[in-house]
């Protein structure tokens, strides 16, 4: 099973949103090429903000799982990265 440490939680918290990004792309924008999609993200920042927000749902689900399994250090690592991603989503929405 997963060791209860902050590094493991941070790595999980960083990796899952990338899976969410891929899932969001496949769900909503798979008709575009990846290059066209990235151009669209640059032009329309609201899509980037929505994409980050949806991707954070994966972190929320796995965070709950590790808290229930009493792996508190892993959960705290995931929580910290989730806060960082949420801050990035807010910054994209407000400033870009």
PDB file of N, CA and C in Angstrom:
ATOM      1  N   UNK A   1       0.847  -1.193   0.000  1.00  0.00           N
ATOM      2  CA  UNK A   1       0.000   0.000   0.000  1.00  0.00           C
ATOM      3  C   UNK A   1       0.885   1.246   0.000  1.00  0.00           C
ATOM      4  N   UNK A   2       0.294   2.377  -0.021  1.00  0.00           N
ATOM      5  CA  UNK A   2       0.983   3.654  -0.102  1.00  0.00           C
ATOM      6  C   UNK A   2       1.538   4.040   1.267  1.00  0.00           C
ATOM      7  N   UNK A   3       2.820   4.445   1.291  1.00  0.00           N
ATOM      8  CA  UNK A   3       3.417   4.919   2.529  1.00  0.00           C
ATOM      9  C   UNK A   3       2.797   6.250   2.914  1.00  0.00           C
ATOM     10  N   UNK A   4       2.663   6.467   4.197  1.00  0.00           N
ATOM     11  CA  UNK A   4       2.050   7.697   4.698  1.00  0.00           C
ATOM     12  C   UNK A   4       3.123   8.772   4.857  1.00  0.00           C
ATOM     13  N   UNK A   5       3.397   9.503   3.752  1.00  0.00           N
ATOM     14  CA  UNK A   5       4.323  10.622   3.842  1.00  0.00           C
ATOM     15  C   UNK A   5       3.882  11.745   2.899  1.00  0.00           C
ATOM     16  N   UNK A   6       4.424  12.921   3.153  1.00  0.00           N
ATOM     17  CA  UNK A   6       4.013  14.116   2.412  1.00  0.00           C
ATOM     18  C   UNK A   6       4.432  14.068   0.940  1.00  0.00           C
ATOM     19  N   UNK A   7       5.582  13.484   0.665  1.00  0.00           N
ATOM     20  CA  UNK A   7       6.087  13.442  -0.711  1.00  0.00           C
ATOM     21  C   UNK A   7       5.150  12.616  -1.596  1.00  0.00           C
ATOM     22  N   UNK A   8       4.713  11.485  -1.097  1.00  0.00           N
ATOM     23  CA  UNK A   8       3.773  10.656  -1.857  1.00  0.00           C
ATOM     24  C   UNK A   8       2.490  11.430  -2.147  1.00  0.00           C
ATOM     25  N   UNK A   9       1.977  12.115  -1.142  1.00  0.00           N
ATOM     26  CA  UNK A   9       0.770  12.915  -1.326  1.00  0.00           C
ATOM     27  C   UNK A   9       0.958  14.038  -2.325  1.00  0.00           C
ATOM     28  N   UNK A  10       2.111  14.686  -2.263  1.00  0.00           N
ATOM     29  CA  UNK A  10       2.397  15.771  -3.202  1.00  0.00           C
ATOM     30  C   UNK A  10       2.485  15.248  -4.633  1.00  0.00           C
ATOM     31  N   UNK A  11       3.142  14.119  -4.813  1.00  0.00           N
ATOM     32  CA  UNK A  11       3.256  13.535  -6.164  1.00  0.00           C
ATOM     33  C   UNK A  11       1.887  13.115  -6.703  1.00  0.00           C
ATOM     34  N   UNK A  12       1.081  12.501  -5.847  1.00  0.00           N
ATOM     35  CA  UNK A  12      -0.276  12.129  -6.270  1.00  0.00           C
ATOM     36  C   UNK A  12      -1.074  13.383  -6.598  1.00  0.00           C
ATOM     37  N   UNK A  13      -0.967  14.390  -5.746  1.00  0.00           N
ATOM     38  CA  UNK A  13      -1.700  15.638  -5.952  1.00  0.00           C
ATOM     39  C   UNK A  13      -1.280  16.390  -7.199  1.00  0.00           C
ATOM     40  N   UNK A  14      -0.044  16.248  -7.603  1.00  0.00           N
ATOM     41  CA  UNK A  14       0.425  16.879  -8.839  1.00  0.00           C
ATOM     42  C   UNK A  14       0.027  16.077 -10.072  1.00  0.00           C
ATOM     43  N   UNK A  15       0.010  14.746  -9.958  1.00  0.00           N
ATOM     44  CA  UNK A  15      -0.242  13.888 -11.115  1.00  0.00           C
ATOM     45  C   UNK A  15      -1.721  13.805 -11.503  1.00  0.00           C
ATOM     46  N   UNK A  16      -2.607  13.713 -10.535  1.00  0.00           N
ATOM     47  CA  UNK A  16      -4.025  13.511 -10.855  1.00  0.00           C
ATOM     48  C   UNK A  16      -4.642  14.646 -11.674  1.00  0.00           C
ATOM     49  N   UNK A  17      -4.340  15.905 -11.409  1.00  0.00           N
ATOM     50  CA  UNK A  17      -4.915  16.938 -12.270  1.00  0.00           C
ATOM     51  C   UNK A  17      -4.487  16.815 -13.730  1.00  0.00           C
ATOM     52  N   UNK A  18      -3.297  16.300 -13.987  1.00  0.00           N
ATOM     53  CA  UNK A  18      -2.888  16.096 -15.374  1.00  0.00           C
ATOM     54  C   UNK A  18      -3.764  15.037 -16.047  1.00  0.00           C
ATOM     55  N   UNK A  19      -4.130  14.014 -15.297  1.00  0.00           N
ATOM     56  CA  UNK A  19      -5.088  13.046 -15.831  1.00  0.00           C
ATOM     57  C   UNK A  19      -6.439  13.715 -16.066  1.00  0.00           C
ATOM     58  N   UNK A  20      -6.803  14.623 -15.170  1.00  0.00           N
ATOM     59  CA  UNK A  20      -8.032  15.385 -15.342  1.00  0.00           C
ATOM     60  C   UNK A  20      -7.977  16.280 -16.567  1.00  0.00           C
ATOM     61  N   UNK A  21      -6.814  16.891 -16.819  1.00  0.00           N
ATOM     62  CA  UNK A  21      -6.641  17.724 -18.016  1.00  0.00           C
ATOM     63  C   UNK A  21      -6.880  16.893 -19.273  1.00  0.00           C
ATOM     64  N   UNK A  22      -6.291  15.701 -19.291  1.00  0.00           N
ATOM     65  CA  UNK A  22      -6.443  14.820 -20.449  1.00  0.00           C
ATOM     66  C   UNK A  22      -7.903  14.395 -20.605  1.00  0.00           C
ATOM     67  N   UNK A  23      -8.532  14.053 -19.487  1.00  0.00           N
ATOM     68  CA  UNK A  23      -9.942  13.670 -19.531  1.00  0.00           C
ATOM     69  C   UNK A  23     -10.833  14.809 -19.996  1.00  0.00           C
ATOM     70  N   UNK A  24     -10.548  16.036 -19.541  1.00  0.00           N
ATOM     71  CA  UNK A  24     -11.319  17.209 -19.945  1.00  0.00           C
ATOM     72  C   UNK A  24     -11.165  17.452 -21.442  1.00  0.00           C
ATOM     73  N   UNK A  25      -9.953  17.334 -21.921  1.00  0.00           N
ATOM     74  CA  UNK A  25      -9.699  17.496 -23.356  1.00  0.00           C
ATOM     75  C   UNK A  25     -10.483  16.454 -24.152  1.00  0.00           C
ATOM     76  N   UNK A  26     -10.407  15.197 -23.734  1.00  0.00           N
ATOM     77  CA  UNK A  26     -11.101  14.124 -24.456  1.00  0.00           C
ATOM     78  C   UNK A  26     -12.617  14.300 -24.390  1.00  0.00           C
ATOM     79  N   UNK A  27     -13.114  14.785 -23.278  1.00  0.00           N
ATOM     80  CA  UNK A  27     -14.551  14.929 -23.073  1.00  0.00           C
ATOM     81  C   UNK A  27     -15.134  16.077 -23.887  1.00  0.00           C
ATOM     82  N   UNK A  28     -14.456  17.219 -23.868  1.00  0.00           N
ATOM     83  CA  UNK A  28     -15.030  18.427 -24.463  1.00  0.00           C
ATOM     84  C   UNK A  28     -14.403  18.847 -25.797  1.00  0.00           C
ATOM     85  N   UNK A  29     -13.125  18.589 -25.997  1.00  0.00           N
ATOM     86  CA  UNK A  29     -12.406  19.196 -27.117  1.00  0.00           C
ATOM     87  C   UNK A  29     -11.647  18.198 -27.976  1.00  0.00           C
ATOM     88  N   UNK A  30     -12.034  16.958 -27.974  1.00  0.00           N
ATOM     89  CA  UNK A  30     -11.285  15.949 -28.729  1.00  0.00           C
ATOM     90  C   UNK A  30     -11.400  16.148 -30.237  1.00  0.00           C
ATOM     91  N   UNK A  31     -12.359  16.964 -30.700  1.00  0.00           N
ATOM     92  CA  UNK A  31     -12.469  17.229 -32.139  1.00  0.00           C
ATOM     93  C   UNK A  31     -11.331  18.128 -32.625  1.00  0.00           C
ATOM     94  N   UNK A  32     -10.680  18.841 -31.688  1.00  0.00           N
ATOM     95  CA  UNK A  32      -9.542  19.700 -32.030  1.00  0.00           C
ATOM     96  C   UNK A  32      -8.249  18.912 -31.881  1.00  0.00           C
ATOM     97  N   UNK A  33      -7.247  19.289 -32.656  1.00  0.00           N
ATOM     98  CA  UNK A  33      -5.919  18.723 -32.426  1.00  0.00           C
ATOM     99  C   UNK A  33      -5.384  19.317 -31.124  1.00  0.00           C
ATOM    100  N   UNK A  34      -4.378  18.688 -30.569  1.00  0.00           N
ATOM    101  CA  UNK A  34      -3.800  19.181 -29.314  1.00  0.00           C
ATOM    102  C   UNK A  34      -3.240  20.591 -29.515  1.00  0.00           C
ATOM    103  N   UNK A  35      -2.598  20.824 -30.641  1.00  0.00           N
ATOM    104  CA  UNK A  35      -2.031  22.143 -30.923  1.00  0.00           C
ATOM    105  C   UNK A  35      -3.134  23.203 -31.021  1.00  0.00           C
ATOM    106  N   UNK A  36      -4.236  22.890 -31.701  1.00  0.00           N
ATOM    107  CA  UNK A  36      -5.357  23.824 -31.792  1.00  0.00           C
ATOM    108  C   UNK A  36      -5.987  24.058 -30.425  1.00  0.00           C
ATOM    109  N   UNK A  37      -6.064  23.004 -29.640  1.00  0.00           N
ATOM    110  CA  UNK A  37      -6.633  23.126 -28.303  1.00  0.00           C
ATOM    111  C   UNK A  37      -5.777  24.036 -27.426  1.00  0.00           C
ATOM    112  N   UNK A  38      -4.462  23.875 -27.486  1.00  0.00           N
ATOM    113  CA  UNK A  38      -3.576  24.741 -26.703  1.00  0.00           C
ATOM    114  C   UNK A  38      -3.687  26.197 -27.149  1.00  0.00           C
ATOM    115  N   UNK A  39      -3.841  26.416 -28.442  1.00  0.00           N
ATOM    116  CA  UNK A  39      -4.062  27.778 -28.951  1.00  0.00           C
ATOM    117  C   UNK A  39      -5.367  28.344 -28.419  1.00  0.00           C
ATOM    118  N   UNK A  40      -6.385  27.511 -28.351  1.00  0.00           N
ATOM    119  CA  UNK A  40      -7.679  27.933 -27.815  1.00  0.00           C
ATOM    120  C   UNK A  40      -7.567  28.291 -26.336  1.00  0.00           C
ATOM    121  N   UNK A  41      -6.790  27.508 -25.582  1.00  0.00           N
ATOM    122  CA  UNK A  41      -6.579  27.809 -24.167  1.00  0.00           C
ATOM    123  C   UNK A  41      -5.911  29.165 -23.977  1.00  0.00           C
ATOM    124  N   UNK A  42      -4.972  29.485 -24.841  1.00  0.00           N
ATOM    125  CA  UNK A  42      -4.276  30.769 -24.751  1.00  0.00           C
ATOM    126  C   UNK A  42      -5.221  31.917 -25.061  1.00  0.00           C
ATOM    127  N   UNK A  43      -6.114  31.706 -26.008  1.00  0.00           N
ATOM    128  CA  UNK A  43      -7.042  32.757 -26.412  1.00  0.00           C
ATOM    129  C   UNK A  43      -8.184  32.931 -25.417  1.00  0.00           C
ATOM    130  N   UNK A  44      -8.685  31.847 -24.861  1.00  0.00           N
ATOM    131  CA  UNK A  44      -9.838  31.908 -23.970  1.00  0.00           C
ATOM    132  C   UNK A  44      -9.458  31.350 -22.601  1.00  0.00           C
ATOM    133  N   UNK A  45      -9.080  32.238 -21.714  1.00  0.00           N
ATOM    134  CA  UNK A  45      -8.597  31.839 -20.391  1.00  0.00           C
ATOM    135  C   UNK A  45      -9.691  31.198 -19.542  1.00  0.00           C
ATOM    136  N   UNK A  46     -10.946  31.478 -19.837  1.00  0.00           N
ATOM    137  CA  UNK A  46     -12.026  30.880 -19.052  1.00  0.00           C
ATOM    138  C   UNK A  46     -12.046  29.360 -19.224  1.00  0.00           C
ATOM    139  N   UNK A  47     -11.631  28.878 -20.385  1.00  0.00           N
ATOM    140  CA  UNK A  47     -11.568  27.427 -20.596  1.00  0.00           C
ATOM    141  C   UNK A  47     -10.473  26.827 -19.722  1.00  0.00           C
ATOM    142  N   UNK A  48      -9.344  27.516 -19.614  1.00  0.00           N
ATOM    143  CA  UNK A  48      -8.257  27.039 -18.759  1.00  0.00           C
ATOM    144  C   UNK A  48      -8.707  26.972 -17.310  1.00  0.00           C
ATOM    145  N   UNK A  49      -9.393  28.001 -16.855  1.00  0.00           N
ATOM    146  CA  UNK A  49      -9.894  28.019 -15.487  1.00  0.00           C
ATOM    147  C   UNK A  49     -10.872  26.877 -15.246  1.00  0.00           C
ATOM    148  N   UNK A  50     -11.780  26.647 -16.187  1.00  0.00           N
ATOM    149  CA  UNK A  50     -12.736  25.548 -16.056  1.00  0.00           C
ATOM    150  C   UNK A  50     -12.027  24.198 -16.066  1.00  0.00           C
ATOM    151  N   UNK A  51     -11.020  24.077 -16.895  1.00  0.00           N
ATOM    152  CA  UNK A  51     -10.272  22.833 -17.001  1.00  0.00           C
ATOM    153  C   UNK A  51      -9.553  22.516 -15.691  1.00  0.00           C
ATOM    154  N   UNK A  52      -8.945  23.513 -15.081  1.00  0.00           N
ATOM    155  CA  UNK A  52      -8.262  23.308 -13.800  1.00  0.00           C
ATOM    156  C   UNK A  52      -9.273  22.939 -12.718  1.00  0.00           C
ATOM    157  N   UNK A  53     -10.400  23.627 -12.713  1.00  0.00           N
ATOM    158  CA  UNK A  53     -11.418  23.355 -11.698  1.00  0.00           C
ATOM    159  C   UNK A  53     -11.951  21.934 -11.791  1.00  0.00           C
ATOM    160  N   UNK A  54     -12.242  21.473 -12.988  1.00  0.00           N
ATOM    161  CA  UNK A  54     -12.736  20.105 -13.175  1.00  0.00           C
ATOM    162  C   UNK A  54     -11.656  19.100 -12.784  1.00  0.00           C
ATOM    163  N   UNK A  55     -10.423  19.402 -13.109  1.00  0.00           N
ATOM    164  CA  UNK A  55      -9.321  18.494 -12.789  1.00  0.00           C
ATOM    165  C   UNK A  55      -9.127  18.347 -11.288  1.00  0.00           C
ATOM    166  N   UNK A  56      -9.463  19.376 -10.536  1.00  0.00           N
ATOM    167  CA  UNK A  56      -9.301  19.311  -9.089  1.00  0.00           C
ATOM    168  C   UNK A  56     -10.310  18.372  -8.436  1.00  0.00           C
ATOM    169  N   UNK A  57     -11.351  18.023  -9.148  1.00  0.00           N
ATOM    170  CA  UNK A  57     -12.313  17.065  -8.600  1.00  0.00           C
ATOM    171  C   UNK A  57     -11.644  15.719  -8.311  1.00  0.00           C
ATOM    172  N   UNK A  58     -10.702  15.321  -9.154  1.00  0.00           N
ATOM    173  CA  UNK A  58      -9.971  14.079  -8.899  1.00  0.00           C
ATOM    174  C   UNK A  58      -9.187  14.165  -7.591  1.00  0.00           C
ATOM    175  N   UNK A  59      -8.559  15.305  -7.352  1.00  0.00           N
ATOM    176  CA  UNK A  59      -7.826  15.481  -6.105  1.00  0.00           C
ATOM    177  C   UNK A  59      -8.772  15.425  -4.908  1.00  0.00           C
ATOM    178  N   UNK A  60      -9.950  16.017  -5.053  1.00  0.00           N
ATOM    179  CA  UNK A  60     -10.922  15.976  -3.963  1.00  0.00           C
ATOM    180  C   UNK A  60     -11.359  14.560  -3.631  1.00  0.00           C
ATOM    181  N   UNK A  61     -11.571  13.759  -4.647  1.00  0.00           N
ATOM    182  CA  UNK A  61     -11.991  12.376  -4.430  1.00  0.00           C
ATOM    183  C   UNK A  61     -10.888  11.557  -3.757  1.00  0.00           C
ATOM    184  N   UNK A  62      -9.670  11.672  -4.252  1.00  0.00           N
ATOM    185  CA  UNK A  62      -8.575  10.883  -3.672  1.00  0.00           C
ATOM    186  C   UNK A  62      -8.194  11.405  -2.288  1.00  0.00           C
ATOM    187  N   UNK A  63      -8.356  12.700  -2.062  1.00  0.00           N
ATOM    188  CA  UNK A  63      -8.118  13.282  -0.742  1.00  0.00           C
ATOM    189  C   UNK A  63      -9.057  12.650   0.279  1.00  0.00           C
ATOM    190  N   UNK A  64     -10.326  12.552  -0.063  1.00  0.00           N
ATOM    191  CA  UNK A  64     -11.312  11.927   0.818  1.00  0.00           C
ATOM    192  C   UNK A  64     -10.955  10.470   1.088  1.00  0.00           C
ATOM    193  N   UNK A  65     -10.531   9.769   0.054  1.00  0.00           N
ATOM    194  CA  UNK A  65     -10.136   8.370   0.207  1.00  0.00           C
ATOM    195  C   UNK A  65      -9.010   8.214   1.227  1.00  0.00           C
ATOM    196  N   UNK A  66      -7.961   9.041   1.106  1.00  0.00           N
ATOM    197  CA  UNK A  66      -6.821   8.895   2.015  1.00  0.00           C
ATOM    198  C   UNK A  66      -7.146   9.356   3.431  1.00  0.00           C
ATOM    199  N   UNK A  67      -8.023  10.317   3.592  1.00  0.00           N
ATOM    200  CA  UNK A  67      -8.445  10.683   4.942  1.00  0.00           C
ATOM    201  C   UNK A  67      -9.231   9.540   5.584  1.00  0.00           C
ATOM    202  N   UNK A  68     -10.063   8.856   4.822  1.00  0.00           N
ATOM    203  CA  UNK A  68     -10.816   7.723   5.360  1.00  0.00           C
ATOM    204  C   UNK A  68      -9.902   6.557   5.716  1.00  0.00           C
ATOM    205  N   UNK A  69      -8.814   6.397   4.969  1.00  0.00           N
ATOM    206  CA  UNK A  69      -7.844   5.328   5.248  1.00  0.00           C
ATOM    207  C   UNK A  69      -6.833   5.730   6.324  1.00  0.00           C
ATOM    208  N   UNK A  70      -7.027   6.933   6.891  1.00  0.00           N
ATOM    209  CA  UNK A  70      -6.170   7.473   7.942  1.00  0.00           C
ATOM    210  C   UNK A  70      -4.708   7.598   7.512  1.00  0.00           C
ATOM    211  N   UNK A  71      -4.517   7.956   6.266  1.00  0.00           N
ATOM    212  CA  UNK A  71      -3.192   8.283   5.734  1.00  0.00           C
ATOM    213  C   UNK A  71      -3.116   9.811   5.696  1.00  0.00           C
ATOM    214  N   UNK A  72      -2.995  10.411   6.862  1.00  0.00           N
ATOM    215  CA  UNK A  72      -3.117  11.853   6.990  1.00  0.00           C
ATOM    216  C   UNK A  72      -1.997  12.628   6.308  1.00  0.00           C
ATOM    217  N   UNK A  73      -0.787  12.126   6.325  1.00  0.00           N
ATOM    218  CA  UNK A  73       0.314  12.841   5.672  1.00  0.00           C
ATOM    219  C   UNK A  73       0.136  12.859   4.157  1.00  0.00           C
ATOM    220  N   UNK A  74      -0.285  11.740   3.588  1.00  0.00           N
ATOM    221  CA  UNK A  74      -0.557  11.692   2.148  1.00  0.00           C
ATOM    222  C   UNK A  74      -1.679  12.673   1.822  1.00  0.00           C
ATOM    223  N   UNK A  75      -2.735  12.652   2.623  1.00  0.00           N
ATOM    224  CA  UNK A  75      -3.874  13.544   2.392  1.00  0.00           C
ATOM    225  C   UNK A  75      -3.455  15.006   2.496  1.00  0.00           C
ATOM    226  N   UNK A  76      -2.594  15.335   3.428  1.00  0.00           N
ATOM    227  CA  UNK A  76      -2.131  16.717   3.557  1.00  0.00           C
ATOM    228  C   UNK A  76      -1.292  17.141   2.354  1.00  0.00           C
ATOM    229  N   UNK A  77      -0.478  16.246   1.825  1.00  0.00           N
ATOM    230  CA  UNK A  77       0.281  16.547   0.610  1.00  0.00           C
ATOM    231  C   UNK A  77      -0.632  16.804  -0.573  1.00  0.00           C
ATOM    232  N   UNK A  78      -1.678  15.998  -0.693  1.00  0.00           N
ATOM    233  CA  UNK A  78      -2.659  16.205  -1.758  1.00  0.00           C
ATOM    234  C   UNK A  78      -3.382  17.530  -1.554  1.00  0.00           C
ATOM    235  N   UNK A  79      -3.733  17.830  -0.311  1.00  0.00           N
ATOM    236  CA  UNK A  79      -4.442  19.077  -0.013  1.00  0.00           C
ATOM    237  C   UNK A  79      -3.599  20.299  -0.378  1.00  0.00           C
ATOM    238  N   UNK A  80      -2.324  20.265  -0.068  1.00  0.00           N
ATOM    239  CA  UNK A  80      -1.443  21.401  -0.389  1.00  0.00           C
ATOM    240  C   UNK A  80      -1.370  21.619  -1.893  1.00  0.00           C
ATOM    241  N   UNK A  81      -1.201  20.552  -2.663  1.00  0.00           N
ATOM    242  CA  UNK A  81      -1.143  20.725  -4.120  1.00  0.00           C
ATOM    243  C   UNK A  81      -2.493  21.154  -4.677  1.00  0.00           C
ATOM    244  N   UNK A  82      -3.581  20.685  -4.075  1.00  0.00           N
ATOM    245  CA  UNK A  82      -4.910  21.117  -4.506  1.00  0.00           C
ATOM    246  C   UNK A  82      -5.086  22.615  -4.281  1.00  0.00           C
ATOM    247  N   UNK A  83      -4.604  23.100  -3.152  1.00  0.00           N
ATOM    248  CA  UNK A  83      -4.662  24.549  -2.881  1.00  0.00           C
ATOM    249  C   UNK A  83      -3.846  25.328  -3.907  1.00  0.00           C
ATOM    250  N   UNK A  84      -2.684  24.817  -4.280  1.00  0.00           N
ATOM    251  CA  UNK A  84      -1.868  25.487  -5.290  1.00  0.00           C
ATOM    252  C   UNK A  84      -2.577  25.535  -6.635  1.00  0.00           C
ATOM    253  N   UNK A  85      -3.164  24.409  -7.038  1.00  0.00           N
ATOM    254  CA  UNK A  85      -3.915  24.386  -8.299  1.00  0.00           C
ATOM    255  C   UNK A  85      -5.116  25.327  -8.242  1.00  0.00           C
ATOM    256  N   UNK A  86      -5.799  25.361  -7.102  1.00  0.00           N
ATOM    257  CA  UNK A  86      -6.958  26.255  -6.958  1.00  0.00           C
ATOM    258  C   UNK A  86      -6.517  27.711  -7.059  1.00  0.00           C
ATOM    259  N   UNK A  87      -5.380  28.038  -6.469  1.00  0.00           N
ATOM    260  CA  UNK A  87      -4.843  29.391  -6.567  1.00  0.00           C
ATOM    261  C   UNK A  87      -4.530  29.740  -8.021  1.00  0.00           C
ATOM    262  N   UNK A  88      -3.969  28.800  -8.756  1.00  0.00           N
ATOM    263  CA  UNK A  88      -3.672  29.016 -10.178  1.00  0.00           C
ATOM    264  C   UNK A  88      -4.965  29.230 -10.959  1.00  0.00           C
ATOM    265  N   UNK A  89      -6.001  28.441 -10.645  1.00  0.00           N
ATOM    266  CA  UNK A  89      -7.284  28.599 -11.335  1.00  0.00           C
ATOM    267  C   UNK A  89      -7.877  29.979 -11.070  1.00  0.00           C
ATOM    268  N   UNK A  90      -7.806  30.437  -9.834  1.00  0.00           N
ATOM    269  CA  UNK A  90      -8.325  31.763  -9.499  1.00  0.00           C
ATOM    270  C   UNK A  90      -7.503  32.864 -10.194  1.00  0.00           C
ATOM    271  N   UNK A  91      -6.196  32.694 -10.207  1.00  0.00           N
ATOM    272  CA  UNK A  91      -5.342  33.682 -10.857  1.00  0.00           C
ATOM    273  C   UNK A  91      -5.640  33.757 -12.358  1.00  0.00           C
ATOM    274  N   UNK A  92      -5.858  32.622 -12.977  1.00  0.00           N
ATOM    275  CA  UNK A  92      -6.205  32.608 -14.404  1.00  0.00           C
ATOM    276  C   UNK A  92      -7.532  33.327 -14.639  1.00  0.00           C
ATOM    277  N   UNK A  93      -8.469  33.066 -13.768  1.00  0.00           N
ATOM    278  CA  UNK A  93      -9.791  33.646 -13.942  1.00  0.00           C
ATOM    279  C   UNK A  93      -9.780  35.167 -13.723  1.00  0.00           C
ATOM    280  N   UNK A  94      -9.035  35.627 -12.729  1.00  0.00           N
ATOM    281  CA  UNK A  94      -9.051  37.035 -12.354  1.00  0.00           C
ATOM    282  C   UNK A  94      -8.070  37.889 -13.154  1.00  0.00           C
ATOM    283  N   UNK A  95      -6.902  37.360 -13.462  1.00  0.00           N
ATOM    284  CA  UNK A  95      -5.831  38.206 -13.990  1.00  0.00           C
ATOM    285  C   UNK A  95      -5.487  37.979 -15.464  1.00  0.00           C
ATOM    286  N   UNK A  96      -5.920  36.892 -16.046  1.00  0.00           N
ATOM    287  CA  UNK A  96      -5.555  36.639 -17.432  1.00  0.00           C
ATOM    288  C   UNK A  96      -6.685  36.955 -18.378  1.00  0.00           C
TER     289      UNK A  96
END
